[in-house]
Amino acid sequence: MAGLLENIVFSFVDLVRQTILLGIPVFILAFIGKKIHASFSKDHSWLKATVFSTYILFFVLIMLVYFVPFFLGRADFNQGAVPETLGPSFIDELLRFIVAVLRVGIVSAMLSALVLPFIFLGTAISESVQKRTPNKIVSFAGGVFGSVFVGIVAVLFLLPAIGIDVVAGTIYLIYFA
């Protein structure tokens, strides 16, 4: 019986540790998104500013994830002697780039739509914590880490139970879809 209790306690400790490890970069991204949101919320409603700031943040992040290997691979492209007629033309490269940017835009829209419920949950947690403590950073961190915890629980326990592999699906969506 002690082995079962030990496994439960250490599993929960590991879940909290993973929440903290994943929560730190998410906190940084959410802080950047909050600055973007503040600039758009002057002219638009809270929901429109949230959707737009999430989309912009995902677009920039996925552009970096998608195009950094592409440009690093371009450094080795001109190694050796490739005949001019066999190499891609400027139009081919431009069309490939335009299609890739459109693809990143569509994937950013899909991922930002998937993350919006966690943003709403984080906002609710943040407002709940702010009623107890007047410090805005503490309430913001509580909202971020609370939504990351729920997201990790969903990814680790709920989605695999219905046959969805989130990590492999996200990688496939960014690079191959």
C-alpha atoms as a PDB file:
ATOM      1  CA  MET A   1       0.000   0.000   0.000  1.00  0.00           C
ATOM      2  CA  ALA A   2       2.900   2.344   0.694  1.00  0.00           C
ATOM      3  CA  GLY A   3       4.110   1.873  -2.882  1.00  0.00           C
ATOM      4  CA  LEU A   4       0.803   3.129  -4.285  1.00  0.00           C
ATOM      5  CA  LEU A   5       0.733   6.179  -2.031  1.00  0.00           C
ATOM      6  CA  GLU A   6       4.359   6.855  -2.849  1.00  0.00           C
ATOM      7  CA  ASN A   7       3.636   6.678  -6.600  1.00  0.00           C
ATOM      8  CA  ILE A   8       0.675   9.050  -6.278  1.00  0.00           C
ATOM      9  CA  VAL A   9       2.628  11.596  -4.244  1.00  0.00           C
ATOM     10  CA  PHE A  10       5.678  11.530  -6.505  1.00  0.00           C
ATOM     11  CA  SER A  11       3.499  11.661  -9.628  1.00  0.00           C
ATOM     12  CA  PHE A  12       1.771  14.762  -8.305  1.00  0.00           C
ATOM     13  CA  VAL A  13       5.129  16.321  -7.384  1.00  0.00           C
ATOM     14  CA  ASP A  14       6.385  15.591 -10.902  1.00  0.00           C
ATOM     15  CA  LEU A  15       3.213  17.127 -12.366  1.00  0.00           C
ATOM     16  CA  VAL A  16       3.791  20.294 -10.349  1.00  0.00           C
ATOM     17  CA  ARG A  17       7.463  20.311 -11.401  1.00  0.00           C
ATOM     18  CA  GLN A  18       6.490  20.032 -15.071  1.00  0.00           C
ATOM     19  CA  THR A  19       3.965  22.810 -14.584  1.00  0.00           C
ATOM     20  CA  ILE A  20       6.679  25.075 -13.234  1.00  0.00           C
ATOM     21  CA  LEU A  21       9.132  24.138 -16.000  1.00  0.00           C
ATOM     22  CA  LEU A  22       6.588  24.706 -18.761  1.00  0.00           C
ATOM     23  CA  GLY A  23       5.014  27.645 -16.972  1.00  0.00           C
ATOM     24  CA  ILE A  24       8.131  29.806 -17.083  1.00  0.00           C
ATOM     25  CA  PRO A  25       8.346  30.128 -20.901  1.00  0.00           C
ATOM     26  CA  VAL A  26       4.556  30.348 -21.078  1.00  0.00           C
ATOM     27  CA  PHE A  27       4.685  33.146 -18.488  1.00  0.00           C
ATOM     28  CA  ILE A  28       7.225  35.020 -20.609  1.00  0.00           C
ATOM     29  CA  LEU A  29       5.115  34.551 -23.747  1.00  0.00           C
ATOM     30  CA  ALA A  30       1.971  35.552 -21.860  1.00  0.00           C
ATOM     31  CA  PHE A  31       3.722  38.667 -20.577  1.00  0.00           C
ATOM     32  CA  ILE A  32       4.671  39.599 -24.145  1.00  0.00           C
ATOM     33  CA  GLY A  33       1.109  38.802 -25.237  1.00  0.00           C
ATOM     34  CA  LYS A  34      -0.216  41.023 -22.458  1.00  0.00           C
ATOM     35  CA  LYS A  35       1.806  43.941 -23.854  1.00  0.00           C
ATOM     36  CA  ILE A  36       0.457  43.247 -27.355  1.00  0.00           C
ATOM     37  CA  HIS A  37      -3.046  42.948 -25.895  1.00  0.00           C
ATOM     38  CA  ALA A  38      -2.705  46.298 -24.128  1.00  0.00           C
ATOM     39  CA  SER A  39      -1.841  48.033 -27.395  1.00  0.00           C
ATOM     40  CA  PHE A  40      -4.869  46.534 -29.196  1.00  0.00           C
ATOM     41  CA  SER A  41      -7.395  46.818 -26.374  1.00  0.00           C
ATOM     42  CA  LYS A  42      -7.440  50.598 -26.728  1.00  0.00           C
ATOM     43  CA  ASP A  43      -9.268  50.351 -30.055  1.00  0.00           C
ATOM     44  CA  HIS A  44     -11.036  46.974 -29.806  1.00  0.00           C
ATOM     45  CA  SER A  45     -12.986  44.894 -27.330  1.00  0.00           C
ATOM     46  CA  TRP A  46     -11.249  42.565 -24.891  1.00  0.00           C
ATOM     47  CA  LEU A  47     -12.158  39.465 -26.900  1.00  0.00           C
ATOM     48  CA  LYS A  48     -10.948  40.846 -30.239  1.00  0.00           C
ATOM     49  CA  ALA A  49      -7.715  42.082 -28.666  1.00  0.00           C
ATOM     50  CA  THR A  50      -7.176  38.684 -27.010  1.00  0.00           C
ATOM     51  CA  VAL A  51      -7.748  36.745 -30.224  1.00  0.00           C
ATOM     52  CA  PHE A  52      -5.549  39.082 -32.248  1.00  0.00           C
ATOM     53  CA  SER A  53      -2.698  39.193 -29.724  1.00  0.00           C
ATOM     54  CA  THR A  54      -2.768  35.384 -29.422  1.00  0.00           C
ATOM     55  CA  TYR A  55      -2.685  35.053 -33.196  1.00  0.00           C
ATOM     56  CA  ILE A  56       0.228  37.494 -33.552  1.00  0.00           C
ATOM     57  CA  LEU A  57       2.181  35.732 -30.817  1.00  0.00           C
ATOM     58  CA  PHE A  58       1.636  32.297 -32.373  1.00  0.00           C
ATOM     59  CA  PHE A  59       2.406  33.615 -35.857  1.00  0.00           C
ATOM     60  CA  VAL A  60       5.776  35.015 -34.805  1.00  0.00           C
ATOM     61  CA  LEU A  61       6.618  31.934 -32.727  1.00  0.00           C
ATOM     62  CA  ILE A  62       5.734  29.483 -35.506  1.00  0.00           C
ATOM     63  CA  MET A  63       7.532  31.601 -38.107  1.00  0.00           C
ATOM     64  CA  LEU A  64      10.673  31.253 -35.995  1.00  0.00           C
ATOM     65  CA  VAL A  65      10.156  27.521 -35.447  1.00  0.00           C
ATOM     66  CA  TYR A  66       9.400  26.909 -39.112  1.00  0.00           C
ATOM     67  CA  PHE A  67      11.891  29.159 -40.868  1.00  0.00           C
ATOM     68  CA  VAL A  68      15.011  28.871 -38.699  1.00  0.00           C
ATOM     69  CA  PRO A  69      15.735  25.314 -39.947  1.00  0.00           C
ATOM     70  CA  PHE A  70      14.826  26.459 -43.471  1.00  0.00           C
ATOM     71  CA  PHE A  71      17.354  29.297 -43.428  1.00  0.00           C
ATOM     72  CA  LEU A  72      19.990  27.181 -41.702  1.00  0.00           C
ATOM     73  CA  GLY A  73      19.540  24.634 -44.486  1.00  0.00           C
ATOM     74  CA  ARG A  74      19.913  27.387 -47.086  1.00  0.00           C
ATOM     75  CA  ALA A  75      23.440  28.010 -45.839  1.00  0.00           C
ATOM     76  CA  ASP A  76      24.418  24.575 -47.145  1.00  0.00           C
ATOM     77  CA  PHE A  77      22.383  24.898 -50.334  1.00  0.00           C
ATOM     78  CA  ASN A  78      25.158  26.355 -52.468  1.00  0.00           C
ATOM     79  CA  GLN A  79      27.801  23.846 -51.394  1.00  0.00           C
ATOM     80  CA  GLY A  80      29.343  22.205 -54.427  1.00  0.00           C
ATOM     81  CA  ALA A  81      28.659  22.936 -58.062  1.00  0.00           C
ATOM     82  CA  VAL A  82      24.976  22.759 -58.972  1.00  0.00           C
ATOM     83  CA  PRO A  83      24.233  23.612 -62.583  1.00  0.00           C
ATOM     84  CA  GLU A  84      22.120  26.730 -63.034  1.00  0.00           C
ATOM     85  CA  THR A  85      19.422  24.844 -64.945  1.00  0.00           C
ATOM     86  CA  LEU A  86      18.918  22.285 -62.170  1.00  0.00           C
ATOM     87  CA  GLY A  87      18.677  24.767 -59.309  1.00  0.00           C
ATOM     88  CA  PRO A  88      15.393  26.387 -58.274  1.00  0.00           C
ATOM     89  CA  SER A  89      14.554  29.710 -59.858  1.00  0.00           C
ATOM     90  CA  PHE A  90      13.762  32.870 -57.946  1.00  0.00           C
ATOM     91  CA  ILE A  91      10.039  32.476 -58.722  1.00  0.00           C
ATOM     92  CA  ASP A  92      10.061  28.929 -57.319  1.00  0.00           C
ATOM     93  CA  GLU A  93      11.718  30.106 -54.127  1.00  0.00           C
ATOM     94  CA  LEU A  94       9.320  33.051 -53.822  1.00  0.00           C
ATOM     95  CA  LEU A  95       6.267  30.843 -54.314  1.00  0.00           C
ATOM     96  CA  ARG A  96       7.571  28.342 -51.769  1.00  0.00           C
ATOM     97  CA  PHE A  97       8.054  31.185 -49.282  1.00  0.00           C
ATOM     98  CA  ILE A  98       4.546  32.604 -49.899  1.00  0.00           C
ATOM     99  CA  VAL A  99       2.948  29.180 -49.476  1.00  0.00           C
ATOM    100  CA  ALA A 100       4.931  28.627 -46.287  1.00  0.00           C
ATOM    101  CA  VAL A 101       3.815  31.981 -44.841  1.00  0.00           C
ATOM    102  CA  LEU A 102       0.186  31.197 -45.692  1.00  0.00           C
ATOM    103  CA  ARG A 103       0.592  27.801 -44.083  1.00  0.00           C
ATOM    104  CA  VAL A 104       2.055  29.338 -40.953  1.00  0.00           C
ATOM    105  CA  GLY A 105      -0.856  31.780 -40.868  1.00  0.00           C
ATOM    106  CA  ILE A 106      -3.409  28.968 -41.006  1.00  0.00           C
ATOM    107  CA  VAL A 107      -1.582  26.898 -38.383  1.00  0.00           C
ATOM    108  CA  SER A 108      -1.319  29.984 -36.147  1.00  0.00           C
ATOM    109  CA  ALA A 109      -5.059  30.519 -36.411  1.00  0.00           C
ATOM    110  CA  MET A 110      -5.725  26.891 -35.513  1.00  0.00           C
ATOM    111  CA  LEU A 111      -3.361  26.853 -32.541  1.00  0.00           C
ATOM    112  CA  SER A 112      -4.580  30.189 -31.220  1.00  0.00           C
ATOM    113  CA  ALA A 113      -8.151  28.882 -31.373  1.00  0.00           C
ATOM    114  CA  LEU A 114      -7.074  25.802 -29.404  1.00  0.00           C
ATOM    115  CA  VAL A 115      -5.337  27.909 -26.753  1.00  0.00           C
ATOM    116  CA  LEU A 116      -8.162  30.436 -26.248  1.00  0.00           C
ATOM    117  CA  PRO A 117     -10.043  28.335 -23.638  1.00  0.00           C
ATOM    118  CA  PHE A 118      -6.848  28.167 -21.572  1.00  0.00           C
ATOM    119  CA  ILE A 119      -6.478  31.938 -21.884  1.00  0.00           C
ATOM    120  CA  PHE A 120     -10.032  32.402 -20.632  1.00  0.00           C
ATOM    121  CA  LEU A 121      -9.321  30.012 -17.754  1.00  0.00           C
ATOM    122  CA  GLY A 122      -6.089  31.849 -16.929  1.00  0.00           C
ATOM    123  CA  THR A 123      -7.928  35.163 -16.926  1.00  0.00           C
ATOM    124  CA  ALA A 124     -10.574  33.782 -14.568  1.00  0.00           C
ATOM    125  CA  ILE A 125      -7.914  32.387 -12.231  1.00  0.00           C
ATOM    126  CA  SER A 126      -5.984  35.655 -12.394  1.00  0.00           C
ATOM    127  CA  GLU A 127      -9.046  37.700 -11.455  1.00  0.00           C
ATOM    128  CA  SER A 128      -9.847  35.273  -8.644  1.00  0.00           C
ATOM    129  CA  VAL A 129      -6.329  35.537  -7.243  1.00  0.00           C
ATOM    130  CA  GLN A 130      -6.359  39.331  -7.637  1.00  0.00           C
ATOM    131  CA  LYS A 131      -9.345  39.547  -5.277  1.00  0.00           C
ATOM    132  CA  ARG A 132      -7.163  37.959  -2.582  1.00  0.00           C
ATOM    133  CA  THR A 133      -3.871  39.728  -3.321  1.00  0.00           C
ATOM    134  CA  PRO A 134      -3.521  43.228  -4.758  1.00  0.00           C
ATOM    135  CA  ASN A 135      -0.251  42.358  -6.531  1.00  0.00           C
ATOM    136  CA  LYS A 136      -0.921  42.120 -10.281  1.00  0.00           C
ATOM    137  CA  ILE A 137       2.194  40.070 -11.078  1.00  0.00           C
ATOM    138  CA  VAL A 138       1.235  37.420  -8.511  1.00  0.00           C
ATOM    139  CA  SER A 139      -2.298  37.201  -9.884  1.00  0.00           C
ATOM    140  CA  PHE A 140      -0.997  37.079 -13.463  1.00  0.00           C
ATOM    141  CA  ALA A 141       1.475  34.313 -12.564  1.00  0.00           C
ATOM    142  CA  GLY A 142      -1.287  32.417 -10.745  1.00  0.00           C
ATOM    143  CA  GLY A 143      -3.487  32.597 -13.829  1.00  0.00           C
ATOM    144  CA  VAL A 144      -0.694  31.473 -16.131  1.00  0.00           C
ATOM    145  CA  PHE A 145       0.462  28.607 -13.939  1.00  0.00           C
ATOM    146  CA  GLY A 146      -3.129  27.522 -13.235  1.00  0.00           C
ATOM    147  CA  SER A 147      -3.984  27.347 -16.914  1.00  0.00           C
ATOM    148  CA  VAL A 148      -0.682  25.570 -17.672  1.00  0.00           C
ATOM    149  CA  PHE A 149      -1.510  23.012 -14.970  1.00  0.00           C
ATOM    150  CA  VAL A 150      -4.945  22.366 -16.475  1.00  0.00           C
ATOM    151  CA  GLY A 151      -3.392  22.182 -19.948  1.00  0.00           C
ATOM    152  CA  ILE A 152      -0.800  19.653 -18.828  1.00  0.00           C
ATOM    153  CA  VAL A 153      -3.476  17.543 -17.149  1.00  0.00           C
ATOM    154  CA  ALA A 154      -5.533  17.661 -20.353  1.00  0.00           C
ATOM    155  CA  VAL A 155      -2.568  16.754 -22.559  1.00  0.00           C
ATOM    156  CA  LEU A 156      -1.277  13.976 -20.320  1.00  0.00           C
ATOM    157  CA  PHE A 157      -4.497  12.387 -19.083  1.00  0.00           C
ATOM    158  CA  LEU A 158      -7.587  13.416 -21.043  1.00  0.00           C
ATOM    159  CA  LEU A 159      -6.527  13.611 -24.678  1.00  0.00           C
ATOM    160  CA  PRO A 160      -4.566  10.322 -24.840  1.00  0.00           C
ATOM    161  CA  ALA A 161      -7.621   8.577 -23.367  1.00  0.00           C
ATOM    162  CA  ILE A 162      -9.582   9.493 -26.497  1.00  0.00           C
ATOM    163  CA  GLY A 163      -6.691   8.727 -28.851  1.00  0.00           C
ATOM    164  CA  ILE A 164      -5.177  12.150 -29.515  1.00  0.00           C
ATOM    165  CA  ASP A 165      -1.396  12.569 -29.391  1.00  0.00           C
ATOM    166  CA  VAL A 166      -0.945  16.309 -28.945  1.00  0.00           C
ATOM    167  CA  VAL A 167       2.829  16.603 -29.269  1.00  0.00           C
ATOM    168  CA  ALA A 168       3.109  14.557 -32.465  1.00  0.00           C
ATOM    169  CA  GLY A 169       0.004  16.245 -33.874  1.00  0.00           C
ATOM    170  CA  THR A 170       1.399  19.718 -33.236  1.00  0.00           C
ATOM    171  CA  ILE A 171       4.743  18.871 -34.836  1.00  0.00           C
ATOM    172  CA  TYR A 172       2.942  17.388 -37.839  1.00  0.00           C
ATOM    173  CA  LEU A 173       0.696  20.451 -38.073  1.00  0.00           C
ATOM    174  CA  ILE A 174       3.596  22.914 -38.015  1.00  0.00           C
ATOM    175  CA  TYR A 175       5.940  21.152 -40.419  1.00  0.00           C
ATOM    176  CA  PHE A 176       3.977  18.798 -42.657  1.00  0.00           C
ATOM    177  CA  ALA A 177       0.289  19.750 -42.859  1.00  0.00           C
END
